[in-house]
């Protein structure tokens, strides 16, 4: 397998290079394991009901995230199977795998 410098790659594959970076490019650094939870995110902020992921994204560390997952499961707000998937992702990939940290005022930006 050949290795190219950035400039060689751009010359040989201009369209792919354009699609891989530059304006309009976003980095995906979070994983949604539930289609139901992902659908909730699509709704507007006004009247928005936070998901388990929203609460986890406010956590500083993995221990806080475990406490949130346990609390939501105990209250019946998330299913045991979903809680298990969240714990598994947390163990494998850490709290930031759910997305960047949400700080107070997050929804007022924009």
Protein backbone atom coordinates (compact mmCIF):
# COMPACT_ATOMS: atom_id res chain seq x y z
CA UNK A 1 0.00 0.00 0.00
CA UNK A 2 1.41 3.38 -1.01
CA UNK A 3 1.57 6.33 1.29
CA UNK A 4 0.98 9.79 -0.11
CA UNK A 5 1.82 13.19 1.18
CA UNK A 6 -1.18 15.43 1.68
CA UNK A 7 -0.37 17.35 -1.53
CA UNK A 8 0.11 14.17 -3.60
CA UNK A 9 -3.21 12.85 -2.38
CA UNK A 10 -4.94 16.11 -3.30
CA UNK A 11 -3.42 16.03 -6.80
CA UNK A 12 -4.31 12.39 -7.47
CA UNK A 13 -7.72 12.37 -5.79
CA UNK A 14 -9.05 15.96 -5.76
CA UNK A 15 -12.72 15.09 -5.22
CA UNK A 16 -12.07 12.69 -2.36
CA UNK A 17 -9.66 15.19 -0.78
CA UNK A 18 -12.35 17.87 -0.99
CA UNK A 19 -14.92 15.59 0.66
CA UNK A 20 -12.52 14.62 3.46
CA UNK A 21 -11.84 18.05 4.81
CA UNK A 22 -12.36 21.75 4.65
CA UNK A 23 -15.47 23.89 4.95
CA UNK A 24 -18.63 21.95 5.65
CA UNK A 25 -16.82 19.00 7.24
CA UNK A 26 -17.95 17.78 10.64
CA UNK A 27 -16.29 15.35 12.97
CA UNK A 28 -18.43 12.58 14.40
CA UNK A 29 -17.27 11.72 17.88
CA UNK A 30 -20.35 10.26 19.51
CA UNK A 31 -22.41 7.13 19.13
CA UNK A 32 -26.17 6.66 19.48
CA UNK A 33 -27.05 3.06 20.27
CA UNK A 34 -30.80 3.56 20.24
CA UNK A 35 -32.86 4.80 17.30
CA UNK A 36 -35.57 5.86 19.75
CA UNK A 37 -33.13 8.10 21.64
CA UNK A 38 -31.70 9.51 18.40
CA UNK A 39 -35.21 10.43 17.22
CA UNK A 40 -35.80 12.47 20.37
CA UNK A 41 -32.78 14.62 19.48
CA UNK A 42 -34.41 15.67 16.21
CA UNK A 43 -37.11 17.70 17.98
CA UNK A 44 -36.83 21.41 18.71
CA UNK A 45 -35.40 22.76 21.95
CA UNK A 46 -38.68 24.30 23.12
CA UNK A 47 -40.65 21.58 24.86
CA UNK A 48 -37.68 19.24 24.52
CA UNK A 49 -37.52 16.35 26.95
CA UNK A 50 -33.88 15.46 27.71
CA UNK A 51 -32.77 11.92 26.91
CA UNK A 52 -30.44 9.70 28.92
CA UNK A 53 -27.67 10.80 26.54
CA UNK A 54 -28.35 14.47 27.35
CA UNK A 55 -27.90 13.76 31.06
CA UNK A 56 -24.77 11.67 30.46
CA UNK A 57 -23.25 14.47 28.36
CA UNK A 58 -23.45 16.77 31.41
CA UNK A 59 -21.31 14.36 33.46
CA UNK A 60 -17.70 15.15 34.30
CA UNK A 61 -16.58 11.52 34.46
CA UNK A 62 -17.57 7.89 33.97
CA UNK A 63 -18.64 7.45 37.63
CA UNK A 64 -21.18 10.27 37.35
CA UNK A 65 -22.49 8.71 34.11
CA UNK A 66 -22.97 5.32 35.83
CA UNK A 67 -24.95 7.05 38.59
CA UNK A 68 -27.19 8.72 36.00
CA UNK A 69 -27.79 5.46 34.13
CA UNK A 70 -28.59 3.61 37.37
CA UNK A 71 -30.94 6.39 38.51
CA UNK A 72 -32.84 6.52 35.20
CA UNK A 73 -33.15 2.73 35.12
CA UNK A 74 -34.36 2.57 38.75
CA UNK A 75 -37.03 5.18 38.01
CA UNK A 76 -38.15 3.25 34.93
CA UNK A 77 -37.22 6.10 32.59
CA UNK A 78 -35.01 3.81 30.50
CA UNK A 79 -35.36 0.10 29.82
CA UNK A 80 -32.91 -2.33 31.48
CA UNK A 81 -31.62 -3.49 28.07
CA UNK A 82 -30.91 0.11 27.04
CA UNK A 83 -29.22 0.81 30.39
CA UNK A 84 -27.03 -2.24 29.81
CA UNK A 85 -26.01 -0.94 26.34
CA UNK A 86 -25.21 2.48 27.81
CA UNK A 87 -23.06 0.92 30.56
CA UNK A 88 -21.27 -1.23 27.99
CA UNK A 89 -20.50 1.78 25.78
CA UNK A 90 -19.36 3.74 28.83
CA UNK A 91 -17.02 0.94 29.90
CA UNK A 92 -15.61 0.43 26.40
CA UNK A 93 -15.33 4.02 25.21
CA UNK A 94 -15.83 6.43 28.12
CA UNK A 95 -18.26 9.24 28.87
CA UNK A 96 -17.16 11.43 25.94
CA UNK A 97 -18.18 8.71 23.48
CA UNK A 98 -21.74 9.98 24.03
CA UNK A 99 -20.77 13.42 22.76
CA UNK A 100 -18.98 16.53 23.94
CA UNK A 101 -19.74 17.85 27.40
CA UNK A 102 -22.90 19.96 27.66
CA UNK A 103 -22.36 22.92 29.97
CA UNK A 104 -25.02 25.12 31.57
CA UNK A 105 -26.57 27.40 28.94
CA UNK A 106 -26.02 24.82 26.16
CA UNK A 107 -29.51 25.33 24.72
CA UNK A 108 -29.25 29.11 24.79
CA UNK A 109 -26.37 29.03 22.30
CA UNK A 110 -27.67 29.30 18.86
